[in-house]
Amino acid sequence: MVAVRGIFNGRNIQLLEKVEVKPNTMVLVTFLEQQNPEDEMRDMAAKPNGFQFWDNPAEDIYQDYIDKIRHANR
Protein backbone atom coordinates (compact mmCIF):
# COMPACT_ATOMS: atom_id res chain seq x y z
CA MET A 1 0.00 0.00 0.00
CA VAL A 2 1.28 3.46 -0.88
CA ALA A 3 0.01 6.68 0.70
CA VAL A 4 0.32 9.86 -1.37
CA ARG A 5 -0.84 13.37 -0.53
CA GLY A 6 -2.96 15.18 -3.05
CA ILE A 7 -5.40 18.01 -3.57
CA PHE A 8 -9.07 17.72 -4.50
CA ASN A 9 -10.30 20.70 -6.55
CA GLY A 10 -13.97 19.78 -6.40
CA ARG A 11 -13.83 17.45 -9.41
CA ASN A 12 -10.43 15.78 -9.63
CA ILE A 13 -7.63 14.72 -7.34
CA GLN A 14 -4.12 15.93 -8.18
CA LEU A 15 -1.35 13.87 -6.62
CA LEU A 16 1.54 15.82 -5.15
CA GLU A 17 4.01 13.00 -5.75
CA LYS A 18 4.74 10.75 -8.68
CA VAL A 19 3.63 7.15 -8.20
CA GLU A 20 4.40 4.16 -10.34
CA VAL A 21 1.37 1.88 -10.32
CA LYS A 22 -0.44 -0.05 -13.00
CA PRO A 23 -3.50 1.55 -14.65
CA ASN A 24 -6.86 0.70 -13.07
CA THR A 25 -5.29 0.10 -9.65
CA MET A 26 -7.80 0.31 -6.82
CA VAL A 27 -7.32 3.32 -4.54
CA LEU A 28 -8.64 4.41 -1.19
CA VAL A 29 -9.34 8.14 -0.95
CA THR A 30 -9.52 9.81 2.45
CA PHE A 31 -10.58 13.43 2.68
CA LEU A 32 -8.80 15.15 5.52
CA GLU A 33 -10.89 17.54 7.55
CA GLN A 34 -10.21 21.13 6.57
CA GLN A 35 -9.27 23.39 9.42
CA ASN A 36 -9.35 27.14 9.46
CA PRO A 37 -5.72 28.22 8.82
CA GLU A 38 -5.90 30.72 11.68
CA ASP A 39 -7.00 27.99 14.10
CA GLU A 40 -4.28 25.67 12.82
CA MET A 41 -1.60 28.33 13.33
CA ARG A 42 -2.92 29.14 16.80
CA ASP A 43 -2.88 25.44 17.78
CA MET A 44 0.67 25.05 16.51
CA ALA A 45 1.85 28.21 18.25
CA ALA A 46 0.37 27.01 21.55
CA LYS A 47 2.60 23.93 21.57
CA PRO A 48 6.11 24.11 23.02
CA ASN A 49 8.54 24.38 20.11
CA GLY A 50 5.58 24.46 17.71
CA PHE A 51 7.59 26.14 14.97
CA GLN A 52 10.91 24.43 15.61
CA PHE A 53 10.44 22.34 12.44
CA TRP A 54 11.28 25.48 10.42
CA ASP A 55 14.86 25.14 11.65
CA ASN A 56 15.17 21.78 9.86
CA PRO A 57 16.51 22.25 6.28
CA ALA A 58 14.78 19.00 5.25
CA GLU A 59 11.43 20.78 5.63
CA ASP A 60 12.30 23.01 2.66
CA ILE A 61 11.27 20.14 0.36
CA TYR A 62 7.61 21.00 0.93
CA GLN A 63 8.10 24.46 -0.55
CA ASP A 64 8.48 22.79 -3.95
CA TYR A 65 4.96 21.35 -3.64
CA ILE A 66 3.52 24.70 -2.63
CA ASP A 67 5.21 26.41 -5.58
CA LYS A 68 3.88 23.76 -8.01
CA ILE A 69 0.35 24.21 -6.74
CA ARG A 70 0.52 27.99 -6.94
CA HIS A 71 1.82 27.86 -10.53
CA ALA A 72 -0.79 25.27 -11.55
CA ASN A 73 -3.63 27.41 -10.22
CA ARG A 74 -2.65 30.53 -12.14
PDB file of N, CA and C in Angstrom:
ATOM      1  N   MET A   1       0.850  -1.170   0.000  1.00  0.00           N
ATOM      2  CA  MET A   1       0.000   0.000   0.000  1.00  0.00           C
ATOM      3  C   MET A   1       0.896   1.235   0.000  1.00  0.00           C
ATOM      4  N   VAL A   2       0.534   2.213  -0.782  1.00  0.00           N
ATOM      5  CA  VAL A   2       1.284   3.461  -0.882  1.00  0.00           C
ATOM      6  C   VAL A   2       0.343   4.599  -0.519  1.00  0.00           C
ATOM      7  N   ALA A   3       0.788   5.501   0.337  1.00  0.00           N
ATOM      8  CA  ALA A   3       0.005   6.683   0.702  1.00  0.00           C
ATOM      9  C   ALA A   3       0.647   7.896   0.032  1.00  0.00           C
ATOM     10  N   VAL A   4      -0.170   8.685  -0.654  1.00  0.00           N
ATOM     11  CA  VAL A   4       0.320   9.858  -1.370  1.00  0.00           C
ATOM     12  C   VAL A   4      -0.603  11.022  -1.062  1.00  0.00           C
ATOM     13  N   ARG A   5      -0.031  12.164  -0.766  1.00  0.00           N
ATOM     14  CA  ARG A   5      -0.845  13.366  -0.526  1.00  0.00           C
ATOM     15  C   ARG A   5      -1.299  13.929  -1.859  1.00  0.00           C
ATOM     16  N   GLY A   6      -2.428  14.570  -1.848  1.00  0.00           N
ATOM     17  CA  GLY A   6      -2.956  15.178  -3.054  1.00  0.00           C
ATOM     18  C   GLY A   6      -3.909  16.292  -2.707  1.00  0.00           C
ATOM     19  N   ILE A   7      -4.454  16.911  -3.743  1.00  0.00           N
ATOM     20  CA  ILE A   7      -5.397  18.015  -3.569  1.00  0.00           C
ATOM     21  C   ILE A   7      -6.638  17.726  -4.403  1.00  0.00           C
ATOM     22  N   PHE A   8      -7.801  17.893  -3.816  1.00  0.00           N
ATOM     23  CA  PHE A   8      -9.071  17.722  -4.503  1.00  0.00           C
ATOM     24  C   PHE A   8      -9.608  19.101  -4.843  1.00  0.00           C
ATOM     25  N   ASN A   9      -9.858  19.376  -6.126  1.00  0.00           N
ATOM     26  CA  ASN A   9     -10.301  20.698  -6.549  1.00  0.00           C
ATOM     27  C   ASN A   9     -11.813  20.791  -6.720  1.00  0.00           C
ATOM     28  N   GLY A  10     -12.528  19.793  -6.245  1.00  0.00           N
ATOM     29  CA  GLY A  10     -13.974  19.780  -6.397  1.00  0.00           C
ATOM     30  C   GLY A  10     -14.426  18.794  -7.465  1.00  0.00           C
ATOM     31  N   ARG A  11     -13.522  18.423  -8.347  1.00  0.00           N
ATOM     32  CA  ARG A  11     -13.830  17.451  -9.407  1.00  0.00           C
ATOM     33  C   ARG A  11     -12.782  16.346  -9.502  1.00  0.00           C
ATOM     34  N   ASN A  12     -11.527  16.721  -9.413  1.00  0.00           N
ATOM     35  CA  ASN A  12     -10.432  15.779  -9.627  1.00  0.00           C
ATOM     36  C   ASN A  12      -9.453  15.834  -8.465  1.00  0.00           C
ATOM     37  N   ILE A  13      -8.682  14.772  -8.351  1.00  0.00           N
ATOM     38  CA  ILE A  13      -7.628  14.716  -7.343  1.00  0.00           C
ATOM     39  C   ILE A  13      -6.294  14.819  -8.054  1.00  0.00           C
ATOM     40  N   GLN A  14      -5.462  15.755  -7.625  1.00  0.00           N
ATOM     41  CA  GLN A  14      -4.122  15.928  -8.185  1.00  0.00           C
ATOM     42  C   GLN A  14      -3.133  15.416  -7.147  1.00  0.00           C
ATOM     43  N   LEU A  15      -2.346  14.408  -7.535  1.00  0.00           N
ATOM     44  CA  LEU A  15      -1.346  13.873  -6.620  1.00  0.00           C
ATOM     45  C   LEU A  15      -0.171  14.834  -6.531  1.00  0.00           C
ATOM     46  N   LEU A  16       0.405  14.937  -5.360  1.00  0.00           N
ATOM     47  CA  LEU A  16       1.544  15.823  -5.146  1.00  0.00           C
ATOM     48  C   LEU A  16       2.872  15.100  -5.293  1.00  0.00           C
ATOM     49  N   GLU A  17       2.807  13.804  -5.546  1.00  0.00           N
ATOM     50  CA  GLU A  17       4.006  13.005  -5.745  1.00  0.00           C
ATOM     51  C   GLU A  17       3.777  12.070  -6.925  1.00  0.00           C
ATOM     52  N   LYS A  18       4.845  11.703  -7.590  1.00  0.00           N
ATOM     53  CA  LYS A  18       4.744  10.749  -8.682  1.00  0.00           C
ATOM     54  C   LYS A  18       4.663   9.346  -8.091  1.00  0.00           C
ATOM     55  N   VAL A  19       3.755   8.545  -8.619  1.00  0.00           N
ATOM     56  CA  VAL A  19       3.632   7.152  -8.201  1.00  0.00           C
ATOM     57  C   VAL A  19       3.719   6.262  -9.423  1.00  0.00           C
ATOM     58  N   GLU A  20       4.296   5.114  -9.243  1.00  0.00           N
ATOM     59  CA  GLU A  20       4.403   4.161 -10.340  1.00  0.00           C
ATOM     60  C   GLU A  20       3.532   2.954  -9.995  1.00  0.00           C
ATOM     61  N   VAL A  21       2.314   2.981 -10.509  1.00  0.00           N
ATOM     62  CA  VAL A  21       1.374   1.879 -10.316  1.00  0.00           C
ATOM     63  C   VAL A  21       0.734   1.562 -11.659  1.00  0.00           C
ATOM     64  N   LYS A  22       0.210   0.366 -11.760  1.00  0.00           N
ATOM     65  CA  LYS A  22      -0.442  -0.051 -12.997  1.00  0.00           C
ATOM     66  C   LYS A  22      -1.763   0.683 -13.171  1.00  0.00           C
ATOM     67  N   PRO A  23      -2.182   0.944 -14.416  1.00  0.00           N
ATOM     68  CA  PRO A  23      -3.501   1.549 -14.653  1.00  0.00           C
ATOM     69  C   PRO A  23      -4.607   0.703 -14.026  1.00  0.00           C
ATOM     70  N   ASN A  24      -5.671   1.341 -13.662  1.00  0.00           N
ATOM     71  CA  ASN A  24      -6.856   0.703 -13.067  1.00  0.00           C
ATOM     72  C   ASN A  24      -6.571   0.060 -11.711  1.00  0.00           C
ATOM     73  N   THR A  25      -5.584   0.581 -11.004  1.00  0.00           N
ATOM     74  CA  THR A  25      -5.285   0.104  -9.655  1.00  0.00           C
ATOM     75  C   THR A  25      -6.321   0.673  -8.695  1.00  0.00           C
ATOM     76  N   MET A  26      -6.825  -0.151  -7.806  1.00  0.00           N
ATOM     77  CA  MET A  26      -7.798   0.315  -6.815  1.00  0.00           C
ATOM     78  C   MET A  26      -7.118   1.306  -5.874  1.00  0.00           C
ATOM     79  N   VAL A  27      -7.839   2.330  -5.474  1.00  0.00           N
ATOM     80  CA  VAL A  27      -7.320   3.322  -4.542  1.00  0.00           C
ATOM     81  C   VAL A  27      -8.318   3.518  -3.409  1.00  0.00           C
ATOM     82  N   LEU A  28      -7.812   4.027  -2.323  1.00  0.00           N
ATOM     83  CA  LEU A  28      -8.638   4.413  -1.190  1.00  0.00           C
ATOM     84  C   LEU A  28      -8.407   5.895  -0.981  1.00  0.00           C
ATOM     85  N   VAL A  29      -9.458   6.691  -1.065  1.00  0.00           N
ATOM     86  CA  VAL A  29      -9.338   8.137  -0.950  1.00  0.00           C
ATOM     87  C   VAL A  29      -9.902   8.561   0.401  1.00  0.00           C
ATOM     88  N   THR A  30      -9.104   9.294   1.158  1.00  0.00           N
ATOM     89  CA  THR A  30      -9.522   9.809   2.451  1.00  0.00           C
ATOM     90  C   THR A  30      -9.464  11.326   2.400  1.00  0.00           C
ATOM     91  N   PHE A  31     -10.573  11.977   2.666  1.00  0.00           N
ATOM     92  CA  PHE A  31     -10.584  13.434   2.685  1.00  0.00           C
ATOM     93  C   PHE A  31     -10.287  13.893   4.104  1.00  0.00           C
ATOM     94  N   LEU A  32      -9.199  14.634   4.224  1.00  0.00           N
ATOM     95  CA  LEU A  32      -8.800  15.150   5.525  1.00  0.00           C
ATOM     96  C   LEU A  32      -9.670  16.345   5.868  1.00  0.00           C
ATOM     97  N   GLU A  33     -10.040  16.438   7.112  1.00  0.00           N
ATOM     98  CA  GLU A  33     -10.887  17.540   7.549  1.00  0.00           C
ATOM     99  C   GLU A  33     -10.147  18.862   7.378  1.00  0.00           C
ATOM    100  N   GLN A  34     -10.805  19.814   6.748  1.00  0.00           N
ATOM    101  CA  GLN A  34     -10.210  21.130   6.572  1.00  0.00           C
ATOM    102  C   GLN A  34     -10.327  21.900   7.875  1.00  0.00           C
ATOM    103  N   GLN A  35      -9.273  22.575   8.219  1.00  0.00           N
ATOM    104  CA  GLN A  35      -9.266  23.385   9.423  1.00  0.00           C
ATOM    105  C   GLN A  35      -8.989  24.816   9.019  1.00  0.00           C
ATOM    106  N   ASN A  36      -9.591  25.737   9.703  1.00  0.00           N
ATOM    107  CA  ASN A  36      -9.352  27.144   9.463  1.00  0.00           C
ATOM    108  C   ASN A  36      -7.860  27.402   9.673  1.00  0.00           C
ATOM    109  N   PRO A  37      -7.163  27.992   8.677  1.00  0.00           N
ATOM    110  CA  PRO A  37      -5.717  28.221   8.817  1.00  0.00           C
ATOM    111  C   PRO A  37      -5.347  29.015  10.061  1.00  0.00           C
ATOM    112  N   GLU A  38      -6.205  29.946  10.474  1.00  0.00           N
ATOM    113  CA  GLU A  38      -5.904  30.720  11.683  1.00  0.00           C
ATOM    114  C   GLU A  38      -5.944  29.833  12.917  1.00  0.00           C
ATOM    115  N   ASP A  39      -6.916  28.912  12.970  1.00  0.00           N
ATOM    116  CA  ASP A  39      -6.998  27.988  14.101  1.00  0.00           C
ATOM    117  C   ASP A  39      -5.798  27.049  14.120  1.00  0.00           C
ATOM    118  N   GLU A  40      -5.413  26.584  12.928  1.00  0.00           N
ATOM    119  CA  GLU A  40      -4.277  25.673  12.824  1.00  0.00           C
ATOM    120  C   GLU A  40      -2.999  26.355  13.322  1.00  0.00           C
ATOM    121  N   MET A  41      -2.793  27.587  12.919  1.00  0.00           N
ATOM    122  CA  MET A  41      -1.602  28.332  13.330  1.00  0.00           C
ATOM    123  C   MET A  41      -1.628  28.570  14.834  1.00  0.00           C
ATOM    124  N   ARG A  42      -2.791  28.889  15.367  1.00  0.00           N
ATOM    125  CA  ARG A  42      -2.924  29.136  16.800  1.00  0.00           C
ATOM    126  C   ARG A  42      -2.635  27.853  17.587  1.00  0.00           C
ATOM    127  N   ASP A  43      -3.140  26.718  17.108  1.00  0.00           N
ATOM    128  CA  ASP A  43      -2.884  25.442  17.775  1.00  0.00           C
ATOM    129  C   ASP A  43      -1.398  25.112  17.765  1.00  0.00           C
ATOM    130  N   MET A  44      -0.753  25.353  16.629  1.00  0.00           N
ATOM    131  CA  MET A  44       0.669  25.049  16.509  1.00  0.00           C
ATOM    132  C   MET A  44       1.483  25.970  17.413  1.00  0.00           C
ATOM    133  N   ALA A  45       1.114  27.238  17.448  1.00  0.00           N
ATOM    134  CA  ALA A  45       1.854  28.211  18.255  1.00  0.00           C
ATOM    135  C   ALA A  45       1.704  27.928  19.746  1.00  0.00           C
ATOM    136  N   ALA A  46       0.608  27.289  20.129  1.00  0.00           N
ATOM    137  CA  ALA A  46       0.371  27.008  21.546  1.00  0.00           C
ATOM    138  C   ALA A  46       1.236  25.863  22.059  1.00  0.00           C
ATOM    139  N   LYS A  47       1.783  25.064  21.162  1.00  0.00           N
ATOM    140  CA  LYS A  47       2.602  23.925  21.570  1.00  0.00           C
ATOM    141  C   LYS A  47       4.039  24.380  21.816  1.00  0.00           C
ATOM    142  N   PRO A  48       4.688  23.787  22.816  1.00  0.00           N
ATOM    143  CA  PRO A  48       6.106  24.108  23.020  1.00  0.00           C
ATOM    144  C   PRO A  48       6.894  23.733  21.765  1.00  0.00           C
ATOM    145  N   ASN A  49       7.734  24.610  21.315  1.00  0.00           N
ATOM    146  CA  ASN A  49       8.544  24.376  20.108  1.00  0.00           C
ATOM    147  C   ASN A  49       7.678  24.099  18.878  1.00  0.00           C
ATOM    148  N   GLY A  50       6.509  24.707  18.809  1.00  0.00           N
ATOM    149  CA  GLY A  50       5.580  24.457  17.711  1.00  0.00           C
ATOM    150  C   GLY A  50       6.126  24.797  16.344  1.00  0.00           C
ATOM    151  N   PHE A  51       7.041  25.729  16.264  1.00  0.00           N
ATOM    152  CA  PHE A  51       7.592  26.136  14.973  1.00  0.00           C
ATOM    153  C   PHE A  51       9.046  25.717  14.798  1.00  0.00           C
ATOM    154  N   GLN A  52       9.519  24.860  15.669  1.00  0.00           N
ATOM    155  CA  GLN A  52      10.906  24.431  15.611  1.00  0.00           C
ATOM    156  C   GLN A  52      11.222  23.684  14.309  1.00  0.00           C
ATOM    157  N   PHE A  53      10.199  23.078  13.688  1.00  0.00           N
ATOM    158  CA  PHE A  53      10.438  22.344  12.442  1.00  0.00           C
ATOM    159  C   PHE A  53      11.002  23.254  11.354  1.00  0.00           C
ATOM    160  N   TRP A  54      10.754  24.560  11.434  1.00  0.00           N
ATOM    161  CA  TRP A  54      11.283  25.485  10.422  1.00  0.00           C
ATOM    162  C   TRP A  54      12.808  25.528  10.432  1.00  0.00           C
ATOM    163  N   ASP A  55      13.403  25.142  11.541  1.00  0.00           N
ATOM    164  CA  ASP A  55      14.863  25.137  11.649  1.00  0.00           C
ATOM    165  C   ASP A  55      15.496  23.945  10.925  1.00  0.00           C
ATOM    166  N   ASN A  56      14.670  22.980  10.526  1.00  0.00           N
ATOM    167  CA  ASN A  56      15.172  21.784   9.864  1.00  0.00           C
ATOM    168  C   ASN A  56      15.221  22.009   8.348  1.00  0.00           C
ATOM    169  N   PRO A  57      16.403  22.021   7.734  1.00  0.00           N
ATOM    170  CA  PRO A  57      16.513  22.248   6.281  1.00  0.00           C
ATOM    171  C   PRO A  57      15.743  21.221   5.454  1.00  0.00           C
ATOM    172  N   ALA A  58      15.525  20.026   5.993  1.00  0.00           N
ATOM    173  CA  ALA A  58      14.781  19.002   5.254  1.00  0.00           C
ATOM    174  C   ALA A  58      13.340  19.425   4.999  1.00  0.00           C
ATOM    175  N   GLU A  59      12.799  20.314   5.806  1.00  0.00           N
ATOM    176  CA  GLU A  59      11.431  20.778   5.630  1.00  0.00           C
ATOM    177  C   GLU A  59      11.278  21.657   4.388  1.00  0.00           C
ATOM    178  N   ASP A  60      12.373  22.163   3.849  1.00  0.00           N
ATOM    179  CA  ASP A  60      12.303  23.007   2.658  1.00  0.00           C
ATOM    180  C   ASP A  60      11.748  22.263   1.452  1.00  0.00           C
ATOM    181  N   ILE A  61      11.771  20.935   1.478  1.00  0.00           N
ATOM    182  CA  ILE A  61      11.272  20.142   0.359  1.00  0.00           C
ATOM    183  C   ILE A  61       9.797  20.436   0.082  1.00  0.00           C
ATOM    184  N   TYR A  62       9.034  20.755   1.110  1.00  0.00           N
ATOM    185  CA  TYR A  62       7.609  21.003   0.929  1.00  0.00           C
ATOM    186  C   TYR A  62       7.332  22.301   0.191  1.00  0.00           C
ATOM    187  N   GLN A  63       8.277  23.206   0.193  1.00  0.00           N
ATOM    188  CA  GLN A  63       8.099  24.456  -0.545  1.00  0.00           C
ATOM    189  C   GLN A  63       7.946  24.181  -2.033  1.00  0.00           C
ATOM    190  N   ASP A  64       8.615  23.153  -2.547  1.00  0.00           N
ATOM    191  CA  ASP A  64       8.480  22.789  -3.953  1.00  0.00           C
ATOM    192  C   ASP A  64       7.038  22.450  -4.292  1.00  0.00           C
ATOM    193  N   TYR A  65       6.362  21.702  -3.409  1.00  0.00           N
ATOM    194  CA  TYR A  65       4.961  21.352  -3.638  1.00  0.00           C
ATOM    195  C   TYR A  65       4.080  22.592  -3.643  1.00  0.00           C
ATOM    196  N   ILE A  66       4.314  23.476  -2.713  1.00  0.00           N
ATOM    197  CA  ILE A  66       3.524  24.700  -2.630  1.00  0.00           C
ATOM    198  C   ILE A  66       3.711  25.526  -3.900  1.00  0.00           C
ATOM    199  N   ASP A  67       4.948  25.647  -4.357  1.00  0.00           N
ATOM    200  CA  ASP A  67       5.214  26.408  -5.578  1.00  0.00           C
ATOM    201  C   ASP A  67       4.527  25.787  -6.786  1.00  0.00           C
ATOM    202  N   LYS A  68       4.545  24.459  -6.905  1.00  0.00           N
ATOM    203  CA  LYS A  68       3.881  23.759  -8.014  1.00  0.00           C
ATOM    204  C   LYS A  68       2.383  24.044  -8.011  1.00  0.00           C
ATOM    205  N   ILE A  69       1.782  23.983  -6.850  1.00  0.00           N
ATOM    206  CA  ILE A  69       0.346  24.214  -6.745  1.00  0.00           C
ATOM    207  C   ILE A  69       0.007  25.638  -7.117  1.00  0.00           C
ATOM    208  N   ARG A  70       0.774  26.579  -6.633  1.00  0.00           N
ATOM    209  CA  ARG A  70       0.520  27.986  -6.945  1.00  0.00           C
ATOM    210  C   ARG A  70       0.630  28.250  -8.453  1.00  0.00           C
ATOM    211  N   HIS A  71       1.639  27.671  -9.098  1.00  0.00           N
ATOM    212  CA  HIS A  71       1.817  27.861 -10.528  1.00  0.00           C
ATOM    213  C   HIS A  71       0.733  27.161 -11.334  1.00  0.00           C
ATOM    214  N   ALA A  72       0.264  26.018 -10.860  1.00  0.00           N
ATOM    215  CA  ALA A  72      -0.795  25.272 -11.550  1.00  0.00           C
ATOM    216  C   ALA A  72      -2.132  25.986 -11.478  1.00  0.00           C
ATOM    217  N   ASN A  73      -2.355  26.735 -10.416  1.00  0.00           N
ATOM    218  CA  ASN A  73      -3.633  27.413 -10.225  1.00  0.00           C
ATOM    219  C   ASN A  73      -3.687  28.811 -10.821  1.00  0.00           C
ATOM    220  N   ARG A  74      -2.650  29.202 -11.532  1.00  0.00           N
ATOM    221  CA  ARG A  74      -2.647  30.533 -12.142  1.00  0.00           C
ATOM    222  C   ARG A  74      -3.333  30.525 -13.465  1.00  0.00           C
TER     223      ARG A  74
END
